[in-house]
Amino acid sequence: TQIGILNRRLRYVKYLQFFAVLSLFSSTFAMLTILVDFMFLGIFN
């Protein structure tokens, strides 16, 4: 039972890290697009 719970927790951590990295990438891309004055793309990202 404990191993099953740990496996689930590990899967959750994998997903939360994945989406945090996507968020970081999108945020960085937003800064880049705003910097080069592509406001719509920057706001979208």
PDB file of all heavy atoms in Angstrom:
ATOM      1  N   THR A   1       0.834  -1.208   0.000  1.00  0.00           N
ATOM      2  CA  THR A   1       0.000   0.000   0.000  1.00  0.00           C
ATOM      3  C   THR A   1       0.864   1.252   0.000  1.00  0.00           C
ATOM      4  O   THR A   1       0.611   2.202  -0.754  1.00  0.00           O
ATOM      5  CB  THR A   1      -0.940   0.011   1.226  1.00  0.00           C
ATOM      6  OG1 THR A   1      -1.738  -1.157   1.195  1.00  0.00           O
ATOM      7  CG2 THR A   1      -1.820   1.245   1.228  1.00  0.00           C
ATOM      8  N   GLN A   2       1.886   1.251   0.825  1.00  0.00           N
ATOM      9  CA  GLN A   2       2.764   2.418   0.906  1.00  0.00           C
ATOM     10  C   GLN A   2       3.492   2.645  -0.419  1.00  0.00           C
ATOM     11  O   GLN A   2       3.621   3.780  -0.872  1.00  0.00           O
ATOM     12  CB  GLN A   2       3.763   2.250   2.045  1.00  0.00           C
ATOM     13  CG  GLN A   2       4.518   3.512   2.367  1.00  0.00           C
ATOM     14  CD  GLN A   2       5.332   3.387   3.639  1.00  0.00           C
ATOM     15  OE1 GLN A   2       5.444   2.316   4.220  1.00  0.00           O
ATOM     16  NE2 GLN A   2       5.910   4.490   4.062  1.00  0.00           N
ATOM     17  N   ILE A   3       3.937   1.585  -1.051  1.00  0.00           N
ATOM     18  CA  ILE A   3       4.616   1.713  -2.337  1.00  0.00           C
ATOM     19  C   ILE A   3       3.658   2.253  -3.394  1.00  0.00           C
ATOM     20  O   ILE A   3       4.021   3.087  -4.223  1.00  0.00           O
ATOM     21  CB  ILE A   3       5.247   0.366  -2.755  1.00  0.00           C
ATOM     22  CG1 ILE A   3       6.443   0.066  -1.849  1.00  0.00           C
ATOM     23  CG2 ILE A   3       5.675   0.390  -4.221  1.00  0.00           C
ATOM     24  CD1 ILE A   3       7.021  -1.322  -2.002  1.00  0.00           C
ATOM     25  N   GLY A   4       2.393   1.798  -3.356  1.00  0.00           N
ATOM     26  CA  GLY A   4       1.389   2.317  -4.284  1.00  0.00           C
ATOM     27  C   GLY A   4       1.171   3.809  -4.108  1.00  0.00           C
ATOM     28  O   GLY A   4       1.072   4.564  -5.084  1.00  0.00           O
ATOM     29  N   ILE A   5       1.094   4.249  -2.859  1.00  0.00           N
ATOM     30  CA  ILE A   5       0.914   5.680  -2.581  1.00  0.00           C
ATOM     31  C   ILE A   5       2.138   6.471  -3.045  1.00  0.00           C
ATOM     32  O   ILE A   5       2.011   7.537  -3.652  1.00  0.00           O
ATOM     33  CB  ILE A   5       0.641   5.910  -1.078  1.00  0.00           C
ATOM     34  CG1 ILE A   5      -0.731   5.339  -0.704  1.00  0.00           C
ATOM     35  CG2 ILE A   5       0.710   7.401  -0.732  1.00  0.00           C
ATOM     36  CD1 ILE A   5      -0.997   5.297   0.790  1.00  0.00           C
ATOM     37  N   LEU A   6       3.327   5.938  -2.781  1.00  0.00           N
ATOM     38  CA  LEU A   6       4.551   6.616  -3.211  1.00  0.00           C
ATOM     39  C   LEU A   6       4.625   6.698  -4.736  1.00  0.00           C
ATOM     40  O   LEU A   6       5.062   7.712  -5.295  1.00  0.00           O
ATOM     41  CB  LEU A   6       5.787   5.900  -2.661  1.00  0.00           C
ATOM     42  CG  LEU A   6       6.038   6.086  -1.176  1.00  0.00           C
ATOM     43  CD1 LEU A   6       7.136   5.144  -0.706  1.00  0.00           C
ATOM     44  CD2 LEU A   6       6.405   7.529  -0.862  1.00  0.00           C
ATOM     45  N   ASN A   7       4.184   5.641  -5.407  1.00  0.00           N
ATOM     46  CA  ASN A   7       4.166   5.649  -6.867  1.00  0.00           C
ATOM     47  C   ASN A   7       3.234   6.748  -7.389  1.00  0.00           C
ATOM     48  O   ASN A   7       3.571   7.479  -8.323  1.00  0.00           O
ATOM     49  CB  ASN A   7       3.740   4.271  -7.382  1.00  0.00           C
ATOM     50  CG  ASN A   7       3.894   4.150  -8.869  1.00  0.00           C
ATOM     51  OD1 ASN A   7       4.759   4.764  -9.480  1.00  0.00           O
ATOM     52  ND2 ASN A   7       3.047   3.337  -9.476  1.00  0.00           N
ATOM     53  N   ARG A   8       2.062   6.879  -6.763  1.00  0.00           N
ATOM     54  CA  ARG A   8       1.119   7.926  -7.154  1.00  0.00           C
ATOM     55  C   ARG A   8       1.726   9.302  -6.893  1.00  0.00           C
ATOM     56  O   ARG A   8       1.641  10.209  -7.732  1.00  0.00           O
ATOM     57  CB  ARG A   8      -0.197   7.779  -6.387  1.00  0.00           C
ATOM     58  CG  ARG A   8      -1.248   8.782  -6.824  1.00  0.00           C
ATOM     59  CD  ARG A   8      -2.573   8.660  -6.086  1.00  0.00           C
ATOM     60  NE  ARG A   8      -3.004   7.317  -5.774  1.00  0.00           N
ATOM     61  CZ  ARG A   8      -3.081   6.820  -4.525  1.00  0.00           C
ATOM     62  NH1 ARG A   8      -2.776   7.566  -3.490  1.00  0.00           N
ATOM     63  NH2 ARG A   8      -3.490   5.593  -4.316  1.00  0.00           N
ATOM     64  N   ARG A   9       2.341   9.467  -5.731  1.00  0.00           N
ATOM     65  CA  ARG A   9       2.960  10.756  -5.405  1.00  0.00           C
ATOM     66  C   ARG A   9       4.060  11.107  -6.391  1.00  0.00           C
ATOM     67  O   ARG A   9       4.193  12.261  -6.809  1.00  0.00           O
ATOM     68  CB  ARG A   9       3.529  10.736  -3.984  1.00  0.00           C
ATOM     69  CG  ARG A   9       2.468  10.759  -2.910  1.00  0.00           C
ATOM     70  CD  ARG A   9       3.074  10.766  -1.535  1.00  0.00           C
ATOM     71  NE  ARG A   9       3.898  11.954  -1.345  1.00  0.00           N
ATOM     72  CZ  ARG A   9       4.816  12.069  -0.398  1.00  0.00           C
ATOM     73  NH1 ARG A   9       5.032  11.088   0.447  1.00  0.00           N
ATOM     74  NH2 ARG A   9       5.508  13.168  -0.280  1.00  0.00           N
ATOM     75  N   LEU A  10       4.855  10.111  -6.776  1.00  0.00           N
ATOM     76  CA  LEU A  10       5.927  10.339  -7.735  1.00  0.00           C
ATOM     77  C   LEU A  10       5.366  10.773  -9.087  1.00  0.00           C
ATOM     78  O   LEU A  10       5.901  11.674  -9.738  1.00  0.00           O
ATOM     79  CB  LEU A  10       6.751   9.059  -7.886  1.00  0.00           C
ATOM     80  CG  LEU A  10       8.160   9.170  -8.410  1.00  0.00           C
ATOM     81  CD1 LEU A  10       8.979  10.155  -7.594  1.00  0.00           C
ATOM     82  CD2 LEU A  10       8.819   7.810  -8.412  1.00  0.00           C
ATOM     83  N   ARG A  11       4.253  10.175  -9.488  1.00  0.00           N
ATOM     84  CA  ARG A  11       3.595  10.559 -10.740  1.00  0.00           C
ATOM     85  C   ARG A  11       3.094  12.004 -10.653  1.00  0.00           C
ATOM     86  O   ARG A  11       3.266  12.794 -11.586  1.00  0.00           O
ATOM     87  CB  ARG A  11       2.451   9.586 -11.031  1.00  0.00           C
ATOM     88  CG  ARG A  11       1.922   9.657 -12.419  1.00  0.00           C
ATOM     89  CD  ARG A  11       0.894   8.572 -12.725  1.00  0.00           C
ATOM     90  NE  ARG A  11       0.061   8.248 -11.579  1.00  0.00           N
ATOM     91  CZ  ARG A  11      -0.017   7.035 -11.007  1.00  0.00           C
ATOM     92  NH1 ARG A  11       0.648   6.042 -11.472  1.00  0.00           N
ATOM     93  NH2 ARG A  11      -0.784   6.832  -9.966  1.00  0.00           N
ATOM     94  N   TYR A  12       2.486  12.364  -9.522  1.00  0.00           N
ATOM     95  CA  TYR A  12       2.027  13.747  -9.343  1.00  0.00           C
ATOM     96  C   TYR A  12       3.191  14.729  -9.411  1.00  0.00           C
ATOM     97  O   TYR A  12       3.088  15.789 -10.037  1.00  0.00           O
ATOM     98  CB  TYR A  12       1.300  13.923  -8.009  1.00  0.00           C
ATOM     99  CG  TYR A  12      -0.062  13.286  -7.934  1.00  0.00           C
ATOM    100  CD1 TYR A  12      -0.563  12.851  -6.709  1.00  0.00           C
ATOM    101  CD2 TYR A  12      -0.866  13.118  -9.051  1.00  0.00           C
ATOM    102  CE1 TYR A  12      -1.822  12.266  -6.605  1.00  0.00           C
ATOM    103  CE2 TYR A  12      -2.119  12.535  -8.958  1.00  0.00           C
ATOM    104  CZ  TYR A  12      -2.591  12.114  -7.742  1.00  0.00           C
ATOM    105  OH  TYR A  12      -3.825  11.538  -7.646  1.00  0.00           O
ATOM    106  N   VAL A  13       4.297  14.394  -8.753  1.00  0.00           N
ATOM    107  CA  VAL A  13       5.461  15.285  -8.761  1.00  0.00           C
ATOM    108  C   VAL A  13       6.006  15.421 -10.181  1.00  0.00           C
ATOM    109  O   VAL A  13       6.394  16.515 -10.608  1.00  0.00           O
ATOM    110  CB  VAL A  13       6.548  14.795  -7.776  1.00  0.00           C
ATOM    111  CG1 VAL A  13       7.847  15.557  -7.966  1.00  0.00           C
ATOM    112  CG2 VAL A  13       6.066  14.937  -6.342  1.00  0.00           C
ATOM    113  N   LYS A  14       5.991  14.332 -10.934  1.00  0.00           N
ATOM    114  CA  LYS A  14       6.449  14.392 -12.332  1.00  0.00           C
ATOM    115  C   LYS A  14       5.584  15.373 -13.120  1.00  0.00           C
ATOM    116  O   LYS A  14       6.100  16.220 -13.854  1.00  0.00           O
ATOM    117  CB  LYS A  14       6.394  12.999 -12.954  1.00  0.00           C
ATOM    118  CG  LYS A  14       6.795  12.972 -14.417  1.00  0.00           C
ATOM    119  CD  LYS A  14       6.761  11.564 -14.981  1.00  0.00           C
ATOM    120  CE  LYS A  14       5.344  11.110 -15.195  1.00  0.00           C
ATOM    121  NZ  LYS A  14       5.248   9.838 -15.943  1.00  0.00           N
ATOM    122  N   TYR A  15       4.268  15.274 -12.945  1.00  0.00           N
ATOM    123  CA  TYR A  15       3.368  16.166 -13.680  1.00  0.00           C
ATOM    124  C   TYR A  15       3.484  17.611 -13.200  1.00  0.00           C
ATOM    125  O   TYR A  15       3.462  18.544 -14.006  1.00  0.00           O
ATOM    126  CB  TYR A  15       1.917  15.698 -13.570  1.00  0.00           C
ATOM    127  CG  TYR A  15       1.641  14.412 -14.307  1.00  0.00           C
ATOM    128  CD1 TYR A  15       0.845  13.433 -13.738  1.00  0.00           C
ATOM    129  CD2 TYR A  15       2.168  14.170 -15.571  1.00  0.00           C
ATOM    130  CE1 TYR A  15       0.587  12.247 -14.412  1.00  0.00           C
ATOM    131  CE2 TYR A  15       1.916  12.990 -16.242  1.00  0.00           C
ATOM    132  CZ  TYR A  15       1.120  12.036 -15.662  1.00  0.00           C
ATOM    133  OH  TYR A  15       0.867  10.862 -16.323  1.00  0.00           O
ATOM    134  N   LEU A  16       3.598  17.830 -11.905  1.00  0.00           N
ATOM    135  CA  LEU A  16       3.686  19.210 -11.434  1.00  0.00           C
ATOM    136  C   LEU A  16       4.986  19.846 -11.892  1.00  0.00           C
ATOM    137  O   LEU A  16       5.008  21.023 -12.236  1.00  0.00           O
ATOM    138  CB  LEU A  16       3.467  19.317  -9.927  1.00  0.00           C
ATOM    139  CG  LEU A  16       4.428  18.704  -8.930  1.00  0.00           C
ATOM    140  CD1 LEU A  16       5.538  19.647  -8.558  1.00  0.00           C
ATOM    141  CD2 LEU A  16       3.639  18.353  -7.675  1.00  0.00           C
ATOM    142  N   GLN A  17       6.069  19.061 -11.944  1.00  0.00           N
ATOM    143  CA  GLN A  17       7.320  19.605 -12.468  1.00  0.00           C
ATOM    144  C   GLN A  17       7.206  19.897 -13.965  1.00  0.00           C
ATOM    145  O   GLN A  17       7.682  20.920 -14.443  1.00  0.00           O
ATOM    146  CB  GLN A  17       8.477  18.640 -12.217  1.00  0.00           C
ATOM    147  CG  GLN A  17       8.927  18.610 -10.786  1.00  0.00           C
ATOM    148  CD  GLN A  17      10.077  17.648 -10.580  1.00  0.00           C
ATOM    149  OE1 GLN A  17      10.144  16.589 -11.184  1.00  0.00           O
ATOM    150  NE2 GLN A  17      10.989  18.018  -9.698  1.00  0.00           N
ATOM    151  N   PHE A  18       6.576  18.983 -14.699  1.00  0.00           N
ATOM    152  CA  PHE A  18       6.403  19.170 -16.139  1.00  0.00           C
ATOM    153  C   PHE A  18       5.643  20.462 -16.439  1.00  0.00           C
ATOM    154  O   PHE A  18       6.068  21.269 -17.262  1.00  0.00           O
ATOM    155  CB  PHE A  18       5.676  17.952 -16.735  1.00  0.00           C
ATOM    156  CG  PHE A  18       5.344  18.090 -18.177  1.00  0.00           C
ATOM    157  CD1 PHE A  18       6.329  17.960 -19.153  1.00  0.00           C
ATOM    158  CD2 PHE A  18       4.051  18.347 -18.594  1.00  0.00           C
ATOM    159  CE1 PHE A  18       6.027  18.085 -20.499  1.00  0.00           C
ATOM    160  CE2 PHE A  18       3.729  18.469 -19.934  1.00  0.00           C
ATOM    161  CZ  PHE A  18       4.734  18.333 -20.894  1.00  0.00           C
ATOM    162  N   PHE A  19       4.522  20.661 -15.746  1.00  0.00           N
ATOM    163  CA  PHE A  19       3.727  21.862 -16.015  1.00  0.00           C
ATOM    164  C   PHE A  19       4.413  23.122 -15.489  1.00  0.00           C
ATOM    165  O   PHE A  19       4.242  24.207 -16.064  1.00  0.00           O
ATOM    166  CB  PHE A  19       2.310  21.714 -15.463  1.00  0.00           C
ATOM    167  CG  PHE A  19       1.451  20.844 -16.333  1.00  0.00           C
ATOM    168  CD1 PHE A  19       1.166  19.546 -15.969  1.00  0.00           C
ATOM    169  CD2 PHE A  19       0.961  21.318 -17.535  1.00  0.00           C
ATOM    170  CE1 PHE A  19       0.398  18.729 -16.774  1.00  0.00           C
ATOM    171  CE2 PHE A  19       0.186  20.518 -18.359  1.00  0.00           C
ATOM    172  CZ  PHE A  19      -0.090  19.218 -17.986  1.00  0.00           C
ATOM    173  N   ALA A  20       5.204  23.010 -14.441  1.00  0.00           N
ATOM    174  CA  ALA A  20       5.971  24.166 -13.966  1.00  0.00           C
ATOM    175  C   ALA A  20       7.027  24.558 -15.000  1.00  0.00           C
ATOM    176  O   ALA A  20       7.243  25.749 -15.254  1.00  0.00           O
ATOM    177  CB  ALA A  20       6.618  23.865 -12.622  1.00  0.00           C
ATOM    178  N   VAL A  21       7.668  23.567 -15.602  1.00  0.00           N
ATOM    179  CA  VAL A  21       8.663  23.864 -16.645  1.00  0.00           C
ATOM    180  C   VAL A  21       7.978  24.491 -17.858  1.00  0.00           C
ATOM    181  O   VAL A  21       8.498  25.454 -18.440  1.00  0.00           O
ATOM    182  CB  VAL A  21       9.452  22.595 -17.034  1.00  0.00           C
ATOM    183  CG1 VAL A  21      10.268  22.810 -18.295  1.00  0.00           C
ATOM    184  CG2 VAL A  21      10.357  22.169 -15.887  1.00  0.00           C
ATOM    185  N   LEU A  22       6.817  23.956 -18.249  1.00  0.00           N
ATOM    186  CA  LEU A  22       6.071  24.580 -19.352  1.00  0.00           C
ATOM    187  C   LEU A  22       5.695  26.024 -19.019  1.00  0.00           C
ATOM    188  O   LEU A  22       5.778  26.908 -19.877  1.00  0.00           O
ATOM    189  CB  LEU A  22       4.805  23.787 -19.666  1.00  0.00           C
ATOM    190  CG  LEU A  22       4.977  22.483 -20.436  1.00  0.00           C
ATOM    191  CD1 LEU A  22       3.626  21.802 -20.620  1.00  0.00           C
ATOM    192  CD2 LEU A  22       5.642  22.721 -21.773  1.00  0.00           C
ATOM    193  N   SER A  23       5.308  26.259 -17.780  1.00  0.00           N
ATOM    194  CA  SER A  23       4.969  27.610 -17.353  1.00  0.00           C
ATOM    195  C   SER A  23       6.188  28.525 -17.421  1.00  0.00           C
ATOM    196  O   SER A  23       6.101  29.664 -17.882  1.00  0.00           O
ATOM    197  CB  SER A  23       4.402  27.575 -15.931  1.00  0.00           C
ATOM    198  OG  SER A  23       4.082  28.867 -15.504  1.00  0.00           O
ATOM    199  N   LEU A  24       7.311  28.014 -16.965  1.00  0.00           N
ATOM    200  CA  LEU A  24       8.553  28.789 -17.003  1.00  0.00           C
ATOM    201  C   LEU A  24       8.947  29.097 -18.450  1.00  0.00           C
ATOM    202  O   LEU A  24       9.323  30.232 -18.774  1.00  0.00           O
ATOM    203  CB  LEU A  24       9.668  28.006 -16.303  1.00  0.00           C
ATOM    204  CG  LEU A  24      10.975  28.703 -16.027  1.00  0.00           C
ATOM    205  CD1 LEU A  24      10.770  29.916 -15.142  1.00  0.00           C
ATOM    206  CD2 LEU A  24      11.939  27.726 -15.363  1.00  0.00           C
ATOM    207  N   PHE A  25       8.823  28.101 -19.315  1.00  0.00           N
ATOM    208  CA  PHE A  25       9.134  28.315 -20.730  1.00  0.00           C
ATOM    209  C   PHE A  25       8.195  29.353 -21.339  1.00  0.00           C
ATOM    210  O   PHE A  25       8.639  30.265 -22.049  1.00  0.00           O
ATOM    211  CB  PHE A  25       9.034  26.990 -21.494  1.00  0.00           C
ATOM    212  CG  PHE A  25       9.345  27.128 -22.951  1.00  0.00           C
ATOM    213  CD1 PHE A  25      10.658  27.180 -23.389  1.00  0.00           C
ATOM    214  CD2 PHE A  25       8.329  27.224 -23.889  1.00  0.00           C
ATOM    215  CE1 PHE A  25      10.950  27.322 -24.737  1.00  0.00           C
ATOM    216  CE2 PHE A  25       8.608  27.365 -25.231  1.00  0.00           C
ATOM    217  CZ  PHE A  25       9.921  27.416 -25.659  1.00  0.00           C
ATOM    218  N   SER A  26       6.896  29.232 -21.087  1.00  0.00           N
ATOM    219  CA  SER A  26       5.921  30.180 -21.637  1.00  0.00           C
ATOM    220  C   SER A  26       6.154  31.584 -21.105  1.00  0.00           C
ATOM    221  O   SER A  26       6.016  32.568 -21.831  1.00  0.00           O
ATOM    222  CB  SER A  26       4.494  29.743 -21.315  1.00  0.00           C
ATOM    223  OG  SER A  26       4.188  28.549 -21.970  1.00  0.00           O
ATOM    224  N   SER A  27       6.501  31.673 -19.828  1.00  0.00           N
ATOM    225  CA  SER A  27       6.779  32.976 -19.229  1.00  0.00           C
ATOM    226  C   SER A  27       8.017  33.612 -19.869  1.00  0.00           C
ATOM    227  O   SER A  27       8.023  34.811 -20.173  1.00  0.00           O
ATOM    228  CB  SER A  27       6.986  32.809 -17.722  1.00  0.00           C
ATOM    229  OG  SER A  27       7.264  34.034 -17.109  1.00  0.00           O
ATOM    230  N   THR A  28       9.036  32.804 -20.083  1.00  0.00           N
ATOM    231  CA  THR A  28      10.250  33.301 -20.730  1.00  0.00           C
ATOM    232  C   THR A  28       9.956  33.741 -22.168  1.00  0.00           C
ATOM    233  O   THR A  28      10.401  34.804 -22.607  1.00  0.00           O
ATOM    234  CB  THR A  28      11.334  32.203 -20.737  1.00  0.00           C
ATOM    235  OG1 THR A  28      11.552  31.780 -19.398  1.00  0.00           O
ATOM    236  CG2 THR A  28      12.634  32.707 -21.328  1.00  0.00           C
ATOM    237  N   PHE A  29       9.183  32.926 -22.874  1.00  0.00           N
ATOM    238  CA  PHE A  29       8.818  33.271 -24.250  1.00  0.00           C
ATOM    239  C   PHE A  29       7.954  34.534 -24.274  1.00  0.00           C
ATOM    240  O   PHE A  29       8.083  35.360 -25.187  1.00  0.00           O
ATOM    241  CB  PHE A  29       8.111  32.096 -24.924  1.00  0.00           C
ATOM    242  CG  PHE A  29       8.052  32.217 -26.413  1.00  0.00           C
ATOM    243  CD1 PHE A  29       9.206  32.179 -27.172  1.00  0.00           C
ATOM    244  CD2 PHE A  29       6.836  32.368 -27.056  1.00  0.00           C
ATOM    245  CE1 PHE A  29       9.151  32.294 -28.560  1.00  0.00           C
ATOM    246  CE2 PHE A  29       6.768  32.484 -28.430  1.00  0.00           C
ATOM    247  CZ  PHE A  29       7.926  32.446 -29.188  1.00  0.00           C
ATOM    248  N   ALA A  30       7.097  34.691 -23.269  1.00  0.00           N
ATOM    249  CA  ALA A  30       6.282  35.907 -23.181  1.00  0.00           C
ATOM    250  C   ALA A  30       7.170  37.141 -23.023  1.00  0.00           C
ATOM    251  O   ALA A  30       6.943  38.168 -23.671  1.00  0.00           O
ATOM    252  CB  ALA A  30       5.289  35.806 -22.022  1.00  0.00           C
ATOM    253  N   MET A  31       8.186  37.037 -22.158  1.00  0.00           N
ATOM    254  CA  MET A  31       9.100  38.170 -21.983  1.00  0.00           C
ATOM    255  C   MET A  31       9.819  38.493 -23.285  1.00  0.00           C
ATOM    256  O   MET A  31       9.970  39.666 -23.647  1.00  0.00           O
ATOM    257  CB  MET A  31      10.115  37.880 -20.874  1.00  0.00           C
ATOM    258  CG  MET A  31       9.519  37.928 -19.486  1.00  0.00           C
ATOM    259  SD  MET A  31      10.742  37.788 -18.171  1.00  0.00           S
ATOM    260  CE  MET A  31      11.208  36.078 -18.293  1.00  0.00           C
ATOM    261  N   LEU A  32      10.246  37.449 -23.994  1.00  0.00           N
ATOM    262  CA  LEU A  32      10.935  37.658 -25.269  1.00  0.00           C
ATOM    263  C   LEU A  32      10.031  38.328 -26.290  1.00  0.00           C
ATOM    264  O   LEU A  32      10.428  39.303 -26.953  1.00  0.00           O
ATOM    265  CB  LEU A  32      11.448  36.323 -25.813  1.00  0.00           C
ATOM    266  CG  LEU A  32      12.115  36.363 -27.185  1.00  0.00           C
ATOM    267  CD1 LEU A  32      13.409  37.161 -27.119  1.00  0.00           C
ATOM    268  CD2 LEU A  32      12.360  34.968 -27.696  1.00  0.00           C
ATOM    269  N   THR A  33       8.801  37.840 -26.420  1.00  0.00           N
ATOM    270  CA  THR A  33       7.895  38.410 -27.422  1.00  0.00           C
ATOM    271  C   THR A  33       7.455  39.831 -27.057  1.00  0.00           C
ATOM    272  O   THR A  33       7.265  40.656 -27.943  1.00  0.00           O
ATOM    273  CB  THR A  33       6.672  37.498 -27.644  1.00  0.00           C
ATOM    274  OG1 THR A  33       6.056  37.207 -26.401  1.00  0.00           O
ATOM    275  CG2 THR A  33       7.073  36.201 -28.323  1.00  0.00           C
ATOM    276  N   ILE A  34       7.319  40.104 -25.780  1.00  0.00           N
ATOM    277  CA  ILE A  34       6.992  41.480 -25.360  1.00  0.00           C
ATOM    278  C   ILE A  34       8.189  42.397 -25.635  1.00  0.00           C
ATOM    279  O   ILE A  34       8.028  43.529 -26.086  1.00  0.00           O
ATOM    280  CB  ILE A  34       6.570  41.519 -23.877  1.00  0.00           C
ATOM    281  CG1 ILE A  34       5.202  40.852 -23.712  1.00  0.00           C
ATOM    282  CG2 ILE A  34       6.549  42.952 -23.354  1.00  0.00           C
ATOM    283  CD1 ILE A  34       4.794  40.615 -22.267  1.00  0.00           C
ATOM    284  N   LEU A  35       9.384  41.877 -25.404  1.00  0.00           N
ATOM    285  CA  LEU A  35      10.600  42.655 -25.623  1.00  0.00           C
ATOM    286  C   LEU A  35      10.747  43.071 -27.088  1.00  0.00           C
ATOM    287  O   LEU A  35      11.170  44.193 -27.384  1.00  0.00           O
ATOM    288  CB  LEU A  35      11.823  41.846 -25.181  1.00  0.00           C
ATOM    289  CG  LEU A  35      13.167  42.548 -25.224  1.00  0.00           C
ATOM    290  CD1 LEU A  35      13.197  43.705 -24.225  1.00  0.00           C
ATOM    291  CD2 LEU A  35      14.279  41.566 -24.928  1.00  0.00           C
ATOM    292  N   VAL A  36      10.367  42.187 -27.997  1.00  0.00           N
ATOM    293  CA  VAL A  36      10.470  42.520 -29.428  1.00  0.00           C
ATOM    294  C   VAL A  36       9.171  43.105 -29.966  1.00  0.00           C
ATOM    295  O   VAL A  36       8.982  43.213 -31.176  1.00  0.00           O
ATOM    296  CB  VAL A  36      10.935  41.303 -30.273  1.00  0.00           C
ATOM    297  CG1 VAL A  36      12.348  40.905 -29.910  1.00  0.00           C
ATOM    298  CG2 VAL A  36       9.980  40.147 -30.157  1.00  0.00           C
ATOM    299  N   ASP A  37       8.279  43.462 -29.052  1.00  0.00           N
ATOM    300  CA  ASP A  37       7.052  44.202 -29.353  1.00  0.00           C
ATOM    301  C   ASP A  37       6.004  43.405 -30.140  1.00  0.00           C
ATOM    302  O   ASP A  37       5.291  43.956 -30.961  1.00  0.00           O
ATOM    303  CB  ASP A  37       7.380  45.513 -30.071  1.00  0.00           C
ATOM    304  CG  ASP A  37       6.329  46.591 -29.768  1.00  0.00           C
ATOM    305  OD1 ASP A  37       5.646  46.471 -28.746  1.00  0.00           O
ATOM    306  OD2 ASP A  37       6.212  47.530 -30.581  1.00  0.00           O
ATOM    307  N   PHE A  38       5.948  42.106 -29.885  1.00  0.00           N
ATOM    308  CA  PHE A  38       4.844  41.282 -30.378  1.00  0.00           C
ATOM    309  C   PHE A  38       3.872  41.092 -29.224  1.00  0.00           C
ATOM    310  O   PHE A  38       3.796  40.027 -28.603  1.00  0.00           O
ATOM    311  CB  PHE A  38       5.331  39.925 -30.889  1.00  0.00           C
ATOM    312  CG  PHE A  38       6.139  39.970 -32.144  1.00  0.00           C
ATOM    313  CD1 PHE A  38       7.320  39.249 -32.246  1.00  0.00           C
ATOM    314  CD2 PHE A  38       5.724  40.719 -33.235  1.00  0.00           C
ATOM    315  CE1 PHE A  38       8.069  39.278 -33.404  1.00  0.00           C
ATOM    316  CE2 PHE A  38       6.469  40.752 -34.401  1.00  0.00           C
ATOM    317  CZ  PHE A  38       7.645  40.027 -34.491  1.00  0.00           C
ATOM    318  N   MET A  39       3.122  42.137 -28.919  1.00  0.00           N
ATOM    319  CA  MET A  39       2.299  42.158 -27.714  1.00  0.00           C
ATOM    320  C   MET A  39       1.246  41.047 -27.675  1.00  0.00           C
ATOM    321  O   MET A  39       1.051  40.420 -26.642  1.00  0.00           O
ATOM    322  CB  MET A  39       1.629  43.528 -27.535  1.00  0.00           C
ATOM    323  CG  MET A  39       2.594  44.621 -27.131  1.00  0.00           C
ATOM    324  SD  MET A  39       3.568  44.218 -25.658  1.00  0.00           S
ATOM    325  CE  MET A  39       2.308  44.315 -24.413  1.00  0.00           C
ATOM    326  N   PHE A  40       0.569  40.816 -28.785  1.00  0.00           N
ATOM    327  CA  PHE A  40      -0.471  39.784 -28.770  1.00  0.00           C
ATOM    328  C   PHE A  40       0.123  38.425 -28.414  1.00  0.00           C
ATOM    329  O   PHE A  40      -0.402  37.710 -27.562  1.00  0.00           O
ATOM    330  CB  PHE A  40      -1.198  39.702 -30.125  1.00  0.00           C
ATOM    331  CG  PHE A  40      -2.210  38.588 -30.162  1.00  0.00           C
ATOM    332  CD1 PHE A  40      -3.441  38.727 -29.528  1.00  0.00           C
ATOM    333  CD2 PHE A  40      -1.922  37.386 -30.797  1.00  0.00           C
ATOM    334  CE1 PHE A  40      -4.367  37.694 -29.533  1.00  0.00           C
ATOM    335  CE2 PHE A  40      -2.842  36.353 -30.817  1.00  0.00           C
ATOM    336  CZ  PHE A  40      -4.073  36.501 -30.182  1.00  0.00           C
ATOM    337  N   LEU A  41       1.233  38.069 -29.054  1.00  0.00           N
ATOM    338  CA  LEU A  41       1.892  36.794 -28.773  1.00  0.00           C
ATOM    339  C   LEU A  41       2.435  36.769 -27.338  1.00  0.00           C
ATOM    340  O   LEU A  41       2.381  35.742 -26.655  1.00  0.00           O
ATOM    341  CB  LEU A  41       3.015  36.547 -29.781  1.00  0.00           C
ATOM    342  CG  LEU A  41       3.631  35.164 -29.810  1.00  0.00           C
ATOM    343  CD1 LEU A  41       2.577  34.090 -30.044  1.00  0.00           C
ATOM    344  CD2 LEU A  41       4.713  35.090 -30.883  1.00  0.00           C
ATOM    345  N   GLY A  42       2.922  37.905 -26.879  1.00  0.00           N
ATOM    346  CA  GLY A  42       3.416  37.991 -25.502  1.00  0.00           C
ATOM    347  C   GLY A  42       2.305  37.784 -24.491  1.00  0.00           C
ATOM    348  O   GLY A  42       2.470  37.043 -23.517  1.00  0.00           O
ATOM    349  N   ILE A  43       1.177  38.428 -24.705  1.00  0.00           N
ATOM    350  CA  ILE A  43       0.033  38.275 -23.798  1.00  0.00           C
ATOM    351  C   ILE A  43      -0.478  36.833 -23.852  1.00  0.00           C
ATOM    352  O   ILE A  43      -0.769  36.226 -22.820  1.00  0.00           O
ATOM    353  CB  ILE A  43      -1.081  39.282 -24.143  1.00  0.00           C
ATOM    354  CG1 ILE A  43      -0.609  40.699 -23.824  1.00  0.00           C
ATOM    355  CG2 ILE A  43      -2.368  38.959 -23.399  1.00  0.00           C
ATOM    356  CD1 ILE A  43      -1.511  41.789 -24.375  1.00  0.00           C
ATOM    357  N   PHE A  44      -0.568  36.272 -25.061  1.00  0.00           N
ATOM    358  CA  PHE A  44      -1.010  34.885 -25.211  1.00  0.00           C
ATOM    359  C   PHE A  44      -0.108  33.934 -24.422  1.00  0.00           C
ATOM    360  O   PHE A  44      -0.579  33.063 -23.689  1.00  0.00           O
ATOM    361  CB  PHE A  44      -1.029  34.496 -26.694  1.00  0.00           C
ATOM    362  CG  PHE A  44      -1.371  33.054 -26.925  1.00  0.00           C
ATOM    363  CD1 PHE A  44      -2.687  32.622 -26.873  1.00  0.00           C
ATOM    364  CD2 PHE A  44      -0.362  32.130 -27.179  1.00  0.00           C
ATOM    365  CE1 PHE A  44      -2.999  31.282 -27.071  1.00  0.00           C
ATOM    366  CE2 PHE A  44      -0.663  30.794 -27.375  1.00  0.00           C
ATOM    367  CZ  PHE A  44      -1.990  30.367 -27.319  1.00  0.00           C
ATOM    368  N   ASN A  45       1.203  34.103 -24.544  1.00  0.00           N
ATOM    369  CA  ASN A  45       2.142  33.229 -23.831  1.00  0.00           C
ATOM    370  C   ASN A  45       2.111  33.455 -22.328  1.00  0.00           C
ATOM    371  O   ASN A  45       2.303  32.519 -21.553  1.00  0.00           O
ATOM    372  CB  ASN A  45       3.558  33.404 -24.381  1.00  0.00           C
ATOM    373  CG  ASN A  45       3.760  32.586 -25.619  1.00  0.00           C
ATOM    374  OD1 ASN A  45       3.796  31.364 -25.551  1.00  0.00           O
ATOM    375  ND2 ASN A  45       3.850  33.248 -26.749  1.00  0.00           N
TER     376      ASN A  45
END
